[in-house]
Amino acid sequence: MIKVTFSLDADTVASLERVASRLAIPKSQVVREAVRLYGEQLGRLTQEERDRLLGVFDEVTGSIPERPRAEVEDELAELRRSRGRGGRRSPEARRP
C-alpha cells in the first residue's frame, strides 16, 4: 500500500466516517472502493448520451436499403472473386 494525503471538507469526512462505521471497514477501504466505483462509472454513458446514440442508430439503420439476400450474396461473391484475381501484389499486376 502507498500512503497519500488528501484535504477533505468536514461534510466529506463525516460521510466517510459514517460509511466506514456502518460497514465496519477501515476508512481507507471505503476510499479505495469509492475511487474504484467512480472509475467504473466514468466509462458508462449517461441516459441522455444513450438516448442520443440510440436516436442516431435508428436514423442510420432506417436509411439502409433493403435488398434481397441473393443479391447481396452475389455482390459479395463478385467482390471475393475480384480480390482473388489480383491487385498490386499479384504477378499479373507487376508485369509491364
PDB file of N, CA and C in Angstrom:
ATOM      1  N   MET A   1       0.834  -1.184   0.000  1.00  0.00           N
ATOM      2  CA  MET A   1       0.000   0.000   0.000  1.00  0.00           C
ATOM      3  C   MET A   1       0.880   1.249   0.000  1.00  0.00           C
ATOM      4  N   ILE A   2       0.366   2.293  -0.603  1.00  0.00           N
ATOM      5  CA  ILE A   2       1.053   3.576  -0.644  1.00  0.00           C
ATOM      6  C   ILE A   2       0.232   4.569   0.156  1.00  0.00           C
ATOM      7  N   LYS A   3       0.912   5.277   1.057  1.00  0.00           N
ATOM      8  CA  LYS A   3       0.214   6.289   1.844  1.00  0.00           C
ATOM      9  C   LYS A   3       0.159   7.590   1.069  1.00  0.00           C
ATOM     10  N   VAL A   4      -1.021   8.236   1.086  1.00  0.00           N
ATOM     11  CA  VAL A   4      -1.203   9.522   0.436  1.00  0.00           C
ATOM     12  C   VAL A   4      -1.952  10.443   1.379  1.00  0.00           C
ATOM     13  N   THR A   5      -1.855  11.735   1.114  1.00  0.00           N
ATOM     14  CA  THR A   5      -2.526  12.722   1.947  1.00  0.00           C
ATOM     15  C   THR A   5      -3.477  13.529   1.076  1.00  0.00           C
ATOM     16  N   PHE A   6      -4.710  13.695   1.556  1.00  0.00           N
ATOM     17  CA  PHE A   6      -5.715  14.487   0.859  1.00  0.00           C
ATOM     18  C   PHE A   6      -6.327  15.475   1.825  1.00  0.00           C
ATOM     19  N   SER A   7      -6.827  16.566   1.295  1.00  0.00           N
ATOM     20  CA  SER A   7      -7.592  17.525   2.092  1.00  0.00           C
ATOM     21  C   SER A   7      -9.061  17.340   1.754  1.00  0.00           C
ATOM     22  N   LEU A   8      -9.877  17.083   2.767  1.00  0.00           N
ATOM     23  CA  LEU A   8     -11.309  16.866   2.577  1.00  0.00           C
ATOM     24  C   LEU A   8     -12.085  17.863   3.437  1.00  0.00           C
ATOM     25  N   ASP A   9     -13.245  18.249   2.928  1.00  0.00           N
ATOM     26  CA  ASP A   9     -14.079  19.152   3.727  1.00  0.00           C
ATOM     27  C   ASP A   9     -14.755  18.350   4.844  1.00  0.00           C
ATOM     28  N   ALA A  10     -15.299  19.050   5.823  1.00  0.00           N
ATOM     29  CA  ALA A  10     -15.875  18.421   7.012  1.00  0.00           C
ATOM     30  C   ALA A  10     -17.030  17.486   6.659  1.00  0.00           C
ATOM     31  N   ASP A  11     -17.876  17.881   5.711  1.00  0.00           N
ATOM     32  CA  ASP A  11     -19.008  17.027   5.330  1.00  0.00           C
ATOM     33  C   ASP A  11     -18.530  15.708   4.722  1.00  0.00           C
ATOM     34  N   THR A  12     -17.496  15.768   3.896  1.00  0.00           N
ATOM     35  CA  THR A  12     -16.964  14.558   3.279  1.00  0.00           C
ATOM     36  C   THR A  12     -16.358  13.648   4.329  1.00  0.00           C
ATOM     37  N   VAL A  13     -15.631  14.217   5.283  1.00  0.00           N
ATOM     38  CA  VAL A  13     -15.032  13.420   6.350  1.00  0.00           C
ATOM     39  C   VAL A  13     -16.124  12.764   7.193  1.00  0.00           C
ATOM     40  N   ALA A  14     -17.183  13.507   7.488  1.00  0.00           N
ATOM     41  CA  ALA A  14     -18.285  12.955   8.283  1.00  0.00           C
ATOM     42  C   ALA A  14     -18.949  11.802   7.518  1.00  0.00           C
ATOM     43  N   SER A  15     -19.136  11.979   6.233  1.00  0.00           N
ATOM     44  CA  SER A  15     -19.728  10.932   5.416  1.00  0.00           C
ATOM     45  C   SER A  15     -18.820   9.706   5.375  1.00  0.00           C
ATOM     46  N   LEU A  16     -17.535   9.924   5.201  1.00  0.00           N
ATOM     47  CA  LEU A  16     -16.561   8.837   5.181  1.00  0.00           C
ATOM     48  C   LEU A  16     -16.606   8.057   6.492  1.00  0.00           C
ATOM     49  N   GLU A  17     -16.630   8.770   7.597  1.00  0.00           N
ATOM     50  CA  GLU A  17     -16.674   8.115   8.916  1.00  0.00           C
ATOM     51  C   GLU A  17     -17.972   7.337   9.112  1.00  0.00           C
ATOM     52  N   ARG A  18     -19.100   7.902   8.655  1.00  0.00           N
ATOM     53  CA  ARG A  18     -20.394   7.214   8.758  1.00  0.00           C
ATOM     54  C   ARG A  18     -20.389   5.911   7.962  1.00  0.00           C
ATOM     55  N   VAL A  19     -19.902   5.986   6.733  1.00  0.00           N
ATOM     56  CA  VAL A  19     -19.886   4.798   5.869  1.00  0.00           C
ATOM     57  C   VAL A  19     -18.961   3.733   6.456  1.00  0.00           C
ATOM     58  N   ALA A  20     -17.777   4.138   6.880  1.00  0.00           N
ATOM     59  CA  ALA A  20     -16.823   3.187   7.451  1.00  0.00           C
ATOM     60  C   ALA A  20     -17.398   2.531   8.704  1.00  0.00           C
ATOM     61  N   SER A  21     -18.053   3.314   9.527  1.00  0.00           N
ATOM     62  CA  SER A  21     -18.647   2.779  10.747  1.00  0.00           C
ATOM     63  C   SER A  21     -19.784   1.816  10.429  1.00  0.00           C
ATOM     64  N   ARG A  22     -20.640   2.228   9.503  1.00  0.00           N
ATOM     65  CA  ARG A  22     -21.799   1.403   9.156  1.00  0.00           C
ATOM     66  C   ARG A  22     -21.378   0.075   8.531  1.00  0.00           C
ATOM     67  N   LEU A  23     -20.357   0.094   7.687  1.00  0.00           N
ATOM     68  CA  LEU A  23     -19.880  -1.117   7.036  1.00  0.00           C
ATOM     69  C   LEU A  23     -18.847  -1.875   7.857  1.00  0.00           C
ATOM     70  N   ALA A  24     -18.386  -1.256   8.921  1.00  0.00           N
ATOM     71  CA  ALA A  24     -17.374  -1.849   9.803  1.00  0.00           C
ATOM     72  C   ALA A  24     -16.105  -2.195   9.022  1.00  0.00           C
ATOM     73  N   ILE A  25     -15.666  -1.231   8.217  1.00  0.00           N
ATOM     74  CA  ILE A  25     -14.417  -1.388   7.466  1.00  0.00           C
ATOM     75  C   ILE A  25     -13.588  -0.121   7.653  1.00  0.00           C
ATOM     76  N   PRO A  26     -12.286  -0.211   7.419  1.00  0.00           N
ATOM     77  CA  PRO A  26     -11.434   0.970   7.571  1.00  0.00           C
ATOM     78  C   PRO A  26     -11.810   2.059   6.557  1.00  0.00           C
ATOM     79  N   LYS A  27     -11.574   3.302   6.946  1.00  0.00           N
ATOM     80  CA  LYS A  27     -11.864   4.442   6.066  1.00  0.00           C
ATOM     81  C   LYS A  27     -11.068   4.347   4.765  1.00  0.00           C
ATOM     82  N   SER A  28      -9.845   3.861   4.843  1.00  0.00           N
ATOM     83  CA  SER A  28      -9.036   3.735   3.626  1.00  0.00           C
ATOM     84  C   SER A  28      -9.681   2.753   2.643  1.00  0.00           C
ATOM     85  N   GLN A  29     -10.327   1.713   3.154  1.00  0.00           N
ATOM     86  CA  GLN A  29     -11.008   0.763   2.272  1.00  0.00           C
ATOM     87  C   GLN A  29     -12.230   1.421   1.628  1.00  0.00           C
ATOM     88  N   VAL A  30     -12.937   2.250   2.389  1.00  0.00           N
ATOM     89  CA  VAL A  30     -14.076   2.977   1.828  1.00  0.00           C
ATOM     90  C   VAL A  30     -13.601   3.857   0.674  1.00  0.00           C
ATOM     91  N   VAL A  31     -12.485   4.552   0.870  1.00  0.00           N
ATOM     92  CA  VAL A  31     -11.954   5.437  -0.164  1.00  0.00           C
ATOM     93  C   VAL A  31     -11.529   4.619  -1.388  1.00  0.00           C
ATOM     94  N   ARG A  32     -10.821   3.506  -1.175  1.00  0.00           N
ATOM     95  CA  ARG A  32     -10.392   2.662  -2.298  1.00  0.00           C
ATOM     96  C   ARG A  32     -11.593   2.193  -3.113  1.00  0.00           C
ATOM     97  N   GLU A  33     -12.619   1.703  -2.423  1.00  0.00           N
ATOM     98  CA  GLU A  33     -13.796   1.206  -3.127  1.00  0.00           C
ATOM     99  C   GLU A  33     -14.545   2.340  -3.829  1.00  0.00           C
ATOM    100  N   ALA A  34     -14.608   3.502  -3.194  1.00  0.00           N
ATOM    101  CA  ALA A  34     -15.287   4.637  -3.815  1.00  0.00           C
ATOM    102  C   ALA A  34     -14.564   5.077  -5.083  1.00  0.00           C
ATOM    103  N   VAL A  35     -13.250   5.112  -5.046  1.00  0.00           N
ATOM    104  CA  VAL A  35     -12.470   5.506  -6.226  1.00  0.00           C
ATOM    105  C   VAL A  35     -12.641   4.465  -7.329  1.00  0.00           C
ATOM    106  N   ARG A  36     -12.624   3.185  -6.974  1.00  0.00           N
ATOM    107  CA  ARG A  36     -12.826   2.129  -7.966  1.00  0.00           C
ATOM    108  C   ARG A  36     -14.205   2.258  -8.624  1.00  0.00           C
ATOM    109  N   LEU A  37     -15.247   2.441  -7.820  1.00  0.00           N
ATOM    110  CA  LEU A  37     -16.604   2.587  -8.366  1.00  0.00           C
ATOM    111  C   LEU A  37     -16.722   3.835  -9.233  1.00  0.00           C
ATOM    112  N   TYR A  38     -16.095   4.906  -8.803  1.00  0.00           N
ATOM    113  CA  TYR A  38     -16.132   6.145  -9.588  1.00  0.00           C
ATOM    114  C   TYR A  38     -15.475   5.928 -10.944  1.00  0.00           C
ATOM    115  N   GLY A  39     -14.345   5.224 -10.948  1.00  0.00           N
ATOM    116  CA  GLY A  39     -13.655   4.922 -12.201  1.00  0.00           C
ATOM    117  C   GLY A  39     -14.511   4.074 -13.121  1.00  0.00           C
ATOM    118  N   GLU A  40     -15.242   3.121 -12.584  1.00  0.00           N
ATOM    119  CA  GLU A  40     -16.128   2.293 -13.398  1.00  0.00           C
ATOM    120  C   GLU A  40     -17.254   3.129 -13.998  1.00  0.00           C
ATOM    121  N   GLN A  41     -17.756   4.087 -13.250  1.00  0.00           N
ATOM    122  CA  GLN A  41     -18.855   4.936 -13.723  1.00  0.00           C
ATOM    123  C   GLN A  41     -18.420   5.837 -14.868  1.00  0.00           C
ATOM    124  N   LEU A  42     -17.158   6.222 -14.900  1.00  0.00           N
ATOM    125  CA  LEU A  42     -16.686   7.131 -15.941  1.00  0.00           C
ATOM    126  C   LEU A  42     -16.825   6.535 -17.337  1.00  0.00           C
ATOM    127  N   GLY A  43     -16.747   5.219 -17.451  1.00  0.00           N
ATOM    128  CA  GLY A  43     -16.855   4.580 -18.744  1.00  0.00           C
ATOM    129  C   GLY A  43     -18.286   4.374 -19.215  1.00  0.00           C
ATOM    130  N   ARG A  44     -19.250   4.649 -18.364  1.00  0.00           N
ATOM    131  CA  ARG A  44     -20.646   4.401 -18.724  1.00  0.00           C
ATOM    132  C   ARG A  44     -21.284   5.646 -19.328  1.00  0.00           C
ATOM    133  N   LEU A  45     -22.246   5.401 -20.184  1.00  0.00           N
ATOM    134  CA  LEU A  45     -22.979   6.501 -20.798  1.00  0.00           C
ATOM    135  C   LEU A  45     -24.070   6.996 -19.857  1.00  0.00           C
ATOM    136  N   THR A  46     -24.328   8.280 -19.922  1.00  0.00           N
ATOM    137  CA  THR A  46     -25.483   8.810 -19.196  1.00  0.00           C
ATOM    138  C   THR A  46     -26.733   8.433 -19.974  1.00  0.00           C
ATOM    139  N   GLN A  47     -27.877   8.564 -19.359  1.00  0.00           N
ATOM    140  CA  GLN A  47     -29.126   8.253 -20.054  1.00  0.00           C
ATOM    141  C   GLN A  47     -29.303   9.169 -21.262  1.00  0.00           C
ATOM    142  N   GLU A  48     -28.912  10.436 -21.132  1.00  0.00           N
ATOM    143  CA  GLU A  48     -29.013  11.373 -22.262  1.00  0.00           C
ATOM    144  C   GLU A  48     -28.116  10.932 -23.419  1.00  0.00           C
ATOM    145  N   GLU A  49     -26.877  10.520 -23.108  1.00  0.00           N
ATOM    146  CA  GLU A  49     -25.961  10.059 -24.153  1.00  0.00           C
ATOM    147  C   GLU A  49     -26.496   8.799 -24.827  1.00  0.00           C
ATOM    148  N   ARG A  50     -27.014   7.881 -24.010  1.00  0.00           N
ATOM    149  CA  ARG A  50     -27.558   6.638 -24.548  1.00  0.00           C
ATOM    150  C   ARG A  50     -28.738   6.931 -25.485  1.00  0.00           C
ATOM    151  N   ASP A  51     -29.645   7.815 -25.057  1.00  0.00           N
ATOM    152  CA  ASP A  51     -30.802   8.169 -25.888  1.00  0.00           C
ATOM    153  C   ASP A  51     -30.367   8.820 -27.198  1.00  0.00           C
ATOM    154  N   ARG A  52     -29.375   9.708 -27.134  1.00  0.00           N
ATOM    155  CA  ARG A  52     -28.889  10.376 -28.342  1.00  0.00           C
ATOM    156  C   ARG A  52     -28.284   9.370 -29.308  1.00  0.00           C
ATOM    157  N   LEU A  53     -27.456   8.456 -28.799  1.00  0.00           N
ATOM    158  CA  LEU A  53     -26.830   7.459 -29.657  1.00  0.00           C
ATOM    159  C   LEU A  53     -27.851   6.481 -30.246  1.00  0.00           C
ATOM    160  N   LEU A  54     -28.861   6.123 -29.458  1.00  0.00           N
ATOM    161  CA  LEU A  54     -29.905   5.250 -29.990  1.00  0.00           C
ATOM    162  C   LEU A  54     -30.691   5.964 -31.081  1.00  0.00           C
ATOM    163  N   GLY A  55     -30.900   7.264 -30.925  1.00  0.00           N
ATOM    164  CA  GLY A  55     -31.566   8.043 -31.962  1.00  0.00           C
ATOM    165  C   GLY A  55     -30.765   8.061 -33.253  1.00  0.00           C
ATOM    166  N   VAL A  56     -29.454   8.242 -33.127  1.00  0.00           N
ATOM    167  CA  VAL A  56     -28.577   8.218 -34.309  1.00  0.00           C
ATOM    168  C   VAL A  56     -28.619   6.837 -34.957  1.00  0.00           C
ATOM    169  N   PHE A  57     -28.568   5.792 -34.134  1.00  0.00           N
ATOM    170  CA  PHE A  57     -28.638   4.422 -34.657  1.00  0.00           C
ATOM    171  C   PHE A  57     -29.939   4.205 -35.430  1.00  0.00           C
ATOM    172  N   ASP A  58     -31.059   4.627 -34.848  1.00  0.00           N
ATOM    173  CA  ASP A  58     -32.350   4.474 -35.519  1.00  0.00           C
ATOM    174  C   ASP A  58     -32.371   5.231 -36.843  1.00  0.00           C
ATOM    175  N   GLU A  59     -31.778   6.418 -36.847  1.00  0.00           N
ATOM    176  CA  GLU A  59     -31.749   7.234 -38.058  1.00  0.00           C
ATOM    177  C   GLU A  59     -30.916   6.561 -39.149  1.00  0.00           C
ATOM    178  N   VAL A  60     -29.755   6.047 -38.770  1.00  0.00           N
ATOM    179  CA  VAL A  60     -28.844   5.428 -39.739  1.00  0.00           C
ATOM    180  C   VAL A  60     -29.409   4.103 -40.251  1.00  0.00           C
ATOM    181  N   THR A  61     -29.899   3.276 -39.344  1.00  0.00           N
ATOM    182  CA  THR A  61     -30.411   1.974 -39.784  1.00  0.00           C
ATOM    183  C   THR A  61     -31.687   2.123 -40.595  1.00  0.00           C
ATOM    184  N   GLY A  62     -32.418   3.199 -40.388  1.00  0.00           N
ATOM    185  CA  GLY A  62     -33.622   3.428 -41.177  1.00  0.00           C
ATOM    186  C   GLY A  62     -33.315   3.733 -42.628  1.00  0.00           C
ATOM    187  N   SER A  63     -32.093   4.183 -42.912  1.00  0.00           N
ATOM    188  CA  SER A  63     -31.730   4.531 -44.283  1.00  0.00           C
ATOM    189  C   SER A  63     -31.005   3.398 -45.015  1.00  0.00           C
ATOM    190  N   ILE A  64     -30.857   2.260 -44.369  1.00  0.00           N
ATOM    191  CA  ILE A  64     -30.216   1.118 -45.017  1.00  0.00           C
ATOM    192  C   ILE A  64     -31.203   0.542 -46.036  1.00  0.00           C
ATOM    193  N   PRO A  65     -30.800   0.448 -47.287  1.00  0.00           N
ATOM    194  CA  PRO A  65     -31.725  -0.071 -48.295  1.00  0.00           C
ATOM    195  C   PRO A  65     -31.962  -1.568 -48.093  1.00  0.00           C
ATOM    196  N   GLU A  66     -33.173  -1.972 -48.332  1.00  0.00           N
ATOM    197  CA  GLU A  66     -33.487  -3.394 -48.235  1.00  0.00           C
ATOM    198  C   GLU A  66     -33.271  -4.021 -49.601  1.00  0.00           C
ATOM    199  N   ARG A  67     -32.481  -5.100 -49.614  1.00  0.00           N
ATOM    200  CA  ARG A  67     -32.199  -5.807 -50.859  1.00  0.00           C
ATOM    201  C   ARG A  67     -32.410  -7.287 -50.614  1.00  0.00           C
ATOM    202  N   PRO A  68     -32.742  -7.991 -51.641  1.00  0.00           N
ATOM    203  CA  PRO A  68     -32.888  -9.443 -51.472  1.00  0.00           C
ATOM    204  C   PRO A  68     -31.557 -10.067 -51.066  1.00  0.00           C
ATOM    205  N   ARG A  69     -31.627 -11.073 -50.223  1.00  0.00           N
ATOM    206  CA  ARG A  69     -30.424 -11.743 -49.731  1.00  0.00           C
ATOM    207  C   ARG A  69     -29.568 -12.267 -50.887  1.00  0.00           C
ATOM    208  N   ALA A  70     -30.199 -12.838 -51.881  1.00  0.00           N
ATOM    209  CA  ALA A  70     -29.455 -13.393 -53.021  1.00  0.00           C
ATOM    210  C   ALA A  70     -28.645 -12.310 -53.724  1.00  0.00           C
ATOM    211  N   GLU A  71     -29.199 -11.117 -53.836  1.00  0.00           N
ATOM    212  CA  GLU A  71     -28.489 -10.013 -54.493  1.00  0.00           C
ATOM    213  C   GLU A  71     -27.243  -9.626 -53.694  1.00  0.00           C
ATOM    214  N   VAL A  72     -27.374  -9.567 -52.379  1.00  0.00           N
ATOM    215  CA  VAL A  72     -26.235  -9.233 -51.518  1.00  0.00           C
ATOM    216  C   VAL A  72     -25.173 -10.320 -51.609  1.00  0.00           C
ATOM    217  N   GLU A  73     -25.593 -11.576 -51.571  1.00  0.00           N
ATOM    218  CA  GLU A  73     -24.636 -12.680 -51.656  1.00  0.00           C
ATOM    219  C   GLU A  73     -23.919 -12.688 -52.998  1.00  0.00           C
ATOM    220  N   ASP A  74     -24.624 -12.377 -54.080  1.00  0.00           N
ATOM    221  CA  ASP A  74     -23.991 -12.293 -55.402  1.00  0.00           C
ATOM    222  C   ASP A  74     -22.936 -11.187 -55.424  1.00  0.00           C
ATOM    223  N   GLU A  75     -23.268 -10.031 -54.835  1.00  0.00           N
ATOM    224  CA  GLU A  75     -22.322  -8.914 -54.803  1.00  0.00           C
ATOM    225  C   GLU A  75     -21.078  -9.280 -54.002  1.00  0.00           C
ATOM    226  N   LEU A  76     -21.281  -9.920 -52.855  1.00  0.00           N
ATOM    227  CA  LEU A  76     -20.137 -10.336 -52.034  1.00  0.00           C
ATOM    228  C   LEU A  76     -19.279 -11.364 -52.769  1.00  0.00           C
ATOM    229  N   ALA A  77     -19.907 -12.296 -53.454  1.00  0.00           N
ATOM    230  CA  ALA A  77     -19.150 -13.304 -54.209  1.00  0.00           C
ATOM    231  C   ALA A  77     -18.316 -12.631 -55.291  1.00  0.00           C
ATOM    232  N   GLU A  78     -18.899 -11.651 -55.976  1.00  0.00           N
ATOM    233  CA  GLU A  78     -18.164 -10.930 -57.016  1.00  0.00           C
ATOM    234  C   GLU A  78     -16.968 -10.178 -56.416  1.00  0.00           C
ATOM    235  N   LEU A  79     -17.160  -9.555 -55.264  1.00  0.00           N
ATOM    236  CA  LEU A  79     -16.046  -8.869 -54.598  1.00  0.00           C
ATOM    237  C   LEU A  79     -14.931  -9.847 -54.250  1.00  0.00           C
ATOM    238  N   ARG A  80     -15.302 -11.007 -53.740  1.00  0.00           N
ATOM    239  CA  ARG A  80     -14.284 -12.008 -53.391  1.00  0.00           C
ATOM    240  C   ARG A  80     -13.530 -12.492 -54.630  1.00  0.00           C
ATOM    241  N   ARG A  81     -14.265 -12.704 -55.725  1.00  0.00           N
ATOM    242  CA  ARG A  81     -13.607 -13.127 -56.969  1.00  0.00           C
ATOM    243  C   ARG A  81     -12.645 -12.061 -57.468  1.00  0.00           C
ATOM    244  N   SER A  82     -13.072 -10.812 -57.432  1.00  0.00           N
ATOM    245  CA  SER A  82     -12.217  -9.735 -57.950  1.00  0.00           C
ATOM    246  C   SER A  82     -10.975  -9.559 -57.079  1.00  0.00           C
ATOM    247  N   ARG A  83     -11.102  -9.776 -55.795  1.00  0.00           N
ATOM    248  CA  ARG A  83      -9.933  -9.672 -54.918  1.00  0.00           C
ATOM    249  C   ARG A  83      -8.959 -10.813 -55.164  1.00  0.00           C
ATOM    250  N   GLY A  84      -9.489 -11.961 -55.542  1.00  0.00           N
ATOM    251  CA  GLY A  84      -8.635 -13.109 -55.790  1.00  0.00           C
ATOM    252  C   GLY A  84      -7.914 -13.034 -57.122  1.00  0.00           C
ATOM    253  N   ARG A  85      -8.356 -12.157 -58.009  1.00  0.00           N
ATOM    254  CA  ARG A  85      -7.767 -12.053 -59.340  1.00  0.00           C
ATOM    255  C   ARG A  85      -6.514 -11.202 -59.371  1.00  0.00           C
ATOM    256  N   GLY A  86      -6.271 -10.435 -58.366  1.00  0.00           N
ATOM    257  CA  GLY A  86      -5.062  -9.638 -58.465  1.00  0.00           C
ATOM    258  C   GLY A  86      -5.113  -8.402 -57.607  1.00  0.00           C
ATOM    259  N   GLY A  87      -4.288  -7.501 -58.001  1.00  0.00           N
ATOM    260  CA  GLY A  87      -4.082  -6.282 -57.255  1.00  0.00           C
ATOM    261  C   GLY A  87      -2.635  -5.910 -57.419  1.00  0.00           C
ATOM    262  N   ARG A  88      -2.179  -4.971 -56.670  1.00  0.00           N
ATOM    263  CA  ARG A  88      -0.791  -4.512 -56.810  1.00  0.00           C
ATOM    264  C   ARG A  88       0.217  -5.604 -56.534  1.00  0.00           C
ATOM    265  N   ARG A  89      -0.117  -6.554 -55.702  1.00  0.00           N
ATOM    266  CA  ARG A  89       0.856  -7.574 -55.314  1.00  0.00           C
ATOM    267  C   ARG A  89       0.793  -8.831 -56.178  1.00  0.00           C
ATOM    268  N   SER A  90      -0.185  -8.934 -57.055  1.00  0.00           N
ATOM    269  CA  SER A  90      -0.297 -10.142 -57.869  1.00  0.00           C
ATOM    270  C   SER A  90       0.754 -10.112 -58.977  1.00  0.00           C
ATOM    271  N   PRO A  91       1.195 -11.292 -59.426  1.00  0.00           N
ATOM    272  CA  PRO A  91       2.195 -11.345 -60.513  1.00  0.00           C
ATOM    273  C   PRO A  91       1.688 -10.658 -61.776  1.00  0.00           C
ATOM    274  N   GLU A  92       0.378 -10.781 -62.063  1.00  0.00           N
ATOM    275  CA  GLU A  92      -0.172 -10.157 -63.261  1.00  0.00           C
ATOM    276  C   GLU A  92      -0.045  -8.639 -63.219  1.00  0.00           C
ATOM    277  N   ALA A  93      -0.222  -8.055 -62.045  1.00  0.00           N
ATOM    278  CA  ALA A  93      -0.184  -6.589 -61.907  1.00  0.00           C
ATOM    279  C   ALA A  93       1.236  -6.065 -62.012  1.00  0.00           C
ATOM    280  N   ARG A  94       2.247  -6.891 -61.769  1.00  0.00           N
ATOM    281  CA  ARG A  94       3.630  -6.420 -61.797  1.00  0.00           C
ATOM    282  C   ARG A  94       4.240  -6.470 -63.193  1.00  0.00           C
ATOM    283  N   ARG A  95       3.610  -7.173 -64.098  1.00  0.00           N
ATOM    284  CA  ARG A  95       4.149  -7.277 -65.462  1.00  0.00           C
ATOM    285  C   ARG A  95       4.003  -5.963 -66.197  1.00  0.00           C
ATOM    286  N   PRO A  96       5.072  -5.568 -66.954  1.00  0.00           N
ATOM    287  CA  PRO A  96       4.973  -4.325 -67.714  1.00  0.00           C
ATOM    288  C   PRO A  96       4.105  -4.436 -68.930  1.00  0.00           C
TER     289      PRO A  96
END
